[in-house]
């Protein structure tokens, strides 16, 4: 596909490790391989590739995007990854508002 690849890093409260190269609070960082415990999604007209933690599968807003994907593209679209039929700003808004579950450890 030739799309850029991004890894979605769930922010931790006030951690400077979440800063990108520009010093901003962008939560996407370039990576090459799909990290363990993540899924691949393609977003927007440019089909930008994101690696999303599987913990996001419990997020009702993300589940809604997945349902829309199934309705629009079906389950056998032959392109690998999950195609999300939404704009990049919509996807980012869902991800930014996602609160990861607290660890039981």
C-alpha atoms as a PDB file:
ATOM      1  CA  UNK A   1       0.000   0.000   0.000  1.00  0.00           C
ATOM      2  CA  UNK A   2       2.892   2.360   0.609  1.00  0.00           C
ATOM      3  CA  UNK A   3       1.114   4.045   3.492  1.00  0.00           C
ATOM      4  CA  UNK A   4       2.967   5.572   6.412  1.00  0.00           C
ATOM      5  CA  UNK A   5       2.977   3.389   9.504  1.00  0.00           C
ATOM      6  CA  UNK A   6       2.175   4.743  12.938  1.00  0.00           C
ATOM      7  CA  UNK A   7       2.065   3.256  16.385  1.00  0.00           C
ATOM      8  CA  UNK A   8      -0.582   4.608  18.700  1.00  0.00           C
ATOM      9  CA  UNK A   9       0.935   5.164  22.128  1.00  0.00           C
ATOM     10  CA  UNK A  10      -1.604   5.418  24.928  1.00  0.00           C
ATOM     11  CA  UNK A  11      -0.575   8.419  27.010  1.00  0.00           C
ATOM     12  CA  UNK A  12       0.368   8.110  30.631  1.00  0.00           C
ATOM     13  CA  UNK A  13      -0.504  10.994  32.894  1.00  0.00           C
ATOM     14  CA  UNK A  14       2.072  13.777  32.606  1.00  0.00           C
ATOM     15  CA  UNK A  15       4.832  11.540  31.274  1.00  0.00           C
ATOM     16  CA  UNK A  16       7.359  13.385  29.113  1.00  0.00           C
ATOM     17  CA  UNK A  17       8.039  10.139  27.243  1.00  0.00           C
ATOM     18  CA  UNK A  18       4.818  10.887  25.347  1.00  0.00           C
ATOM     19  CA  UNK A  19       6.385  13.893  23.640  1.00  0.00           C
ATOM     20  CA  UNK A  20       7.115  13.500  19.955  1.00  0.00           C
ATOM     21  CA  UNK A  21      10.205  14.790  18.141  1.00  0.00           C
ATOM     22  CA  UNK A  22       8.689  18.269  17.873  1.00  0.00           C
ATOM     23  CA  UNK A  23       8.071  18.431  21.633  1.00  0.00           C
ATOM     24  CA  UNK A  24       4.284  18.299  21.102  1.00  0.00           C
ATOM     25  CA  UNK A  25       1.843  15.928  22.725  1.00  0.00           C
ATOM     26  CA  UNK A  26       1.166  13.940  19.541  1.00  0.00           C
ATOM     27  CA  UNK A  27       0.467  10.349  20.448  1.00  0.00           C
ATOM     28  CA  UNK A  28       1.700   8.748  17.234  1.00  0.00           C
ATOM     29  CA  UNK A  29       5.225   7.533  16.736  1.00  0.00           C
ATOM     30  CA  UNK A  30       6.769   5.900  13.663  1.00  0.00           C
ATOM     31  CA  UNK A  31       7.537   2.168  13.882  1.00  0.00           C
ATOM     32  CA  UNK A  32       8.185  -0.623  11.357  1.00  0.00           C
ATOM     33  CA  UNK A  33       6.673  -3.878  12.703  1.00  0.00           C
ATOM     34  CA  UNK A  34       3.361  -4.541  14.391  1.00  0.00           C
ATOM     35  CA  UNK A  35       4.081  -4.659  18.130  1.00  0.00           C
ATOM     36  CA  UNK A  36       2.847  -7.621  20.120  1.00  0.00           C
ATOM     37  CA  UNK A  37      -0.639  -7.006  21.522  1.00  0.00           C
ATOM     38  CA  UNK A  38      -1.671  -4.602  18.736  1.00  0.00           C
ATOM     39  CA  UNK A  39      -3.857  -4.697  15.643  1.00  0.00           C
ATOM     40  CA  UNK A  40      -3.372  -2.869  12.354  1.00  0.00           C
ATOM     41  CA  UNK A  41      -6.001  -0.386  11.174  1.00  0.00           C
ATOM     42  CA  UNK A  42      -6.061   1.798   8.065  1.00  0.00           C
ATOM     43  CA  UNK A  43      -7.675   5.221   8.405  1.00  0.00           C
ATOM     44  CA  UNK A  44      -8.771   8.047   6.140  1.00  0.00           C
ATOM     45  CA  UNK A  45      -8.570   8.621   2.403  1.00  0.00           C
ATOM     46  CA  UNK A  46      -4.783   8.142   2.516  1.00  0.00           C
ATOM     47  CA  UNK A  47      -5.262   4.781   4.286  1.00  0.00           C
ATOM     48  CA  UNK A  48      -2.743   5.690   6.977  1.00  0.00           C
ATOM     49  CA  UNK A  49      -1.642   2.629   8.893  1.00  0.00           C
ATOM     50  CA  UNK A  50      -1.920   2.617  12.688  1.00  0.00           C
ATOM     51  CA  UNK A  51      -1.044  -0.012  15.279  1.00  0.00           C
ATOM     52  CA  UNK A  52      -3.710   0.040  17.975  1.00  0.00           C
ATOM     53  CA  UNK A  53      -3.438  -1.769  21.344  1.00  0.00           C
ATOM     54  CA  UNK A  54      -5.927  -4.620  21.629  1.00  0.00           C
ATOM     55  CA  UNK A  55      -7.177  -3.030  24.858  1.00  0.00           C
ATOM     56  CA  UNK A  56      -8.944  -0.508  22.591  1.00  0.00           C
ATOM     57  CA  UNK A  57     -11.284  -3.292  21.478  1.00  0.00           C
ATOM     58  CA  UNK A  58     -13.201  -2.695  24.726  1.00  0.00           C
ATOM     59  CA  UNK A  59     -13.769   0.976  23.885  1.00  0.00           C
ATOM     60  CA  UNK A  60     -17.429   1.488  22.813  1.00  0.00           C
ATOM     61  CA  UNK A  61     -16.461   4.242  20.344  1.00  0.00           C
ATOM     62  CA  UNK A  62     -13.806   2.018  18.761  1.00  0.00           C
ATOM     63  CA  UNK A  63     -16.318  -0.853  18.646  1.00  0.00           C
ATOM     64  CA  UNK A  64     -18.658   1.453  16.725  1.00  0.00           C
ATOM     65  CA  UNK A  65     -15.881   2.133  14.188  1.00  0.00           C
ATOM     66  CA  UNK A  66     -15.324  -1.617  13.864  1.00  0.00           C
ATOM     67  CA  UNK A  67     -19.040  -2.192  13.238  1.00  0.00           C
ATOM     68  CA  UNK A  68     -19.031   0.517  10.568  1.00  0.00           C
ATOM     69  CA  UNK A  69     -16.005  -1.181   9.003  1.00  0.00           C
ATOM     70  CA  UNK A  70     -17.849  -4.511   8.869  1.00  0.00           C
ATOM     71  CA  UNK A  71     -20.914  -2.822   7.346  1.00  0.00           C
ATOM     72  CA  UNK A  72     -18.930  -0.948   4.689  1.00  0.00           C
ATOM     73  CA  UNK A  73     -16.090  -3.336   3.800  1.00  0.00           C
ATOM     74  CA  UNK A  74     -17.179  -6.708   5.165  1.00  0.00           C
ATOM     75  CA  UNK A  75     -14.771  -9.204   6.647  1.00  0.00           C
ATOM     76  CA  UNK A  76     -13.073 -10.396   3.461  1.00  0.00           C
ATOM     77  CA  UNK A  77     -11.743  -7.300   1.712  1.00  0.00           C
ATOM     78  CA  UNK A  78      -8.381  -8.939   0.943  1.00  0.00           C
ATOM     79  CA  UNK A  79      -6.156  -6.042   2.009  1.00  0.00           C
ATOM     80  CA  UNK A  80      -5.084  -7.183   5.483  1.00  0.00           C
ATOM     81  CA  UNK A  81      -5.589  -5.024   8.535  1.00  0.00           C
ATOM     82  CA  UNK A  82      -8.884  -3.371   9.359  1.00  0.00           C
ATOM     83  CA  UNK A  83     -10.152  -0.571   7.134  1.00  0.00           C
ATOM     84  CA  UNK A  84     -11.920   2.071   9.226  1.00  0.00           C
ATOM     85  CA  UNK A  85     -14.412   4.166   7.237  1.00  0.00           C
ATOM     86  CA  UNK A  86     -13.782   7.400   9.096  1.00  0.00           C
ATOM     87  CA  UNK A  87     -11.681  10.503   8.765  1.00  0.00           C
ATOM     88  CA  UNK A  88      -8.309  10.790  10.435  1.00  0.00           C
ATOM     89  CA  UNK A  89      -9.591  13.477  12.872  1.00  0.00           C
ATOM     90  CA  UNK A  90     -12.472  11.181  13.918  1.00  0.00           C
ATOM     91  CA  UNK A  91     -10.087   8.291  14.555  1.00  0.00           C
ATOM     92  CA  UNK A  92      -7.711  10.494  16.529  1.00  0.00           C
ATOM     93  CA  UNK A  93     -10.581  11.867  18.628  1.00  0.00           C
ATOM     94  CA  UNK A  94     -11.681   8.314  19.521  1.00  0.00           C
ATOM     95  CA  UNK A  95      -8.128   7.330  20.424  1.00  0.00           C
ATOM     96  CA  UNK A  96      -7.376  10.458  22.450  1.00  0.00           C
ATOM     97  CA  UNK A  97     -10.560   9.990  24.488  1.00  0.00           C
ATOM     98  CA  UNK A  98      -9.760   6.338  25.190  1.00  0.00           C
ATOM     99  CA  UNK A  99      -8.895   5.604  28.811  1.00  0.00           C
ATOM    100  CA  UNK A 100      -6.914   2.362  29.143  1.00  0.00           C
ATOM    101  CA  UNK A 101      -8.181  -0.093  31.749  1.00  0.00           C
ATOM    102  CA  UNK A 102      -6.388   0.041  35.085  1.00  0.00           C
ATOM    103  CA  UNK A 103      -4.080  -2.835  35.786  1.00  0.00           C
ATOM    104  CA  UNK A 104      -5.225  -5.283  38.445  1.00  0.00           C
ATOM    105  CA  UNK A 105      -1.638  -5.901  39.558  1.00  0.00           C
END
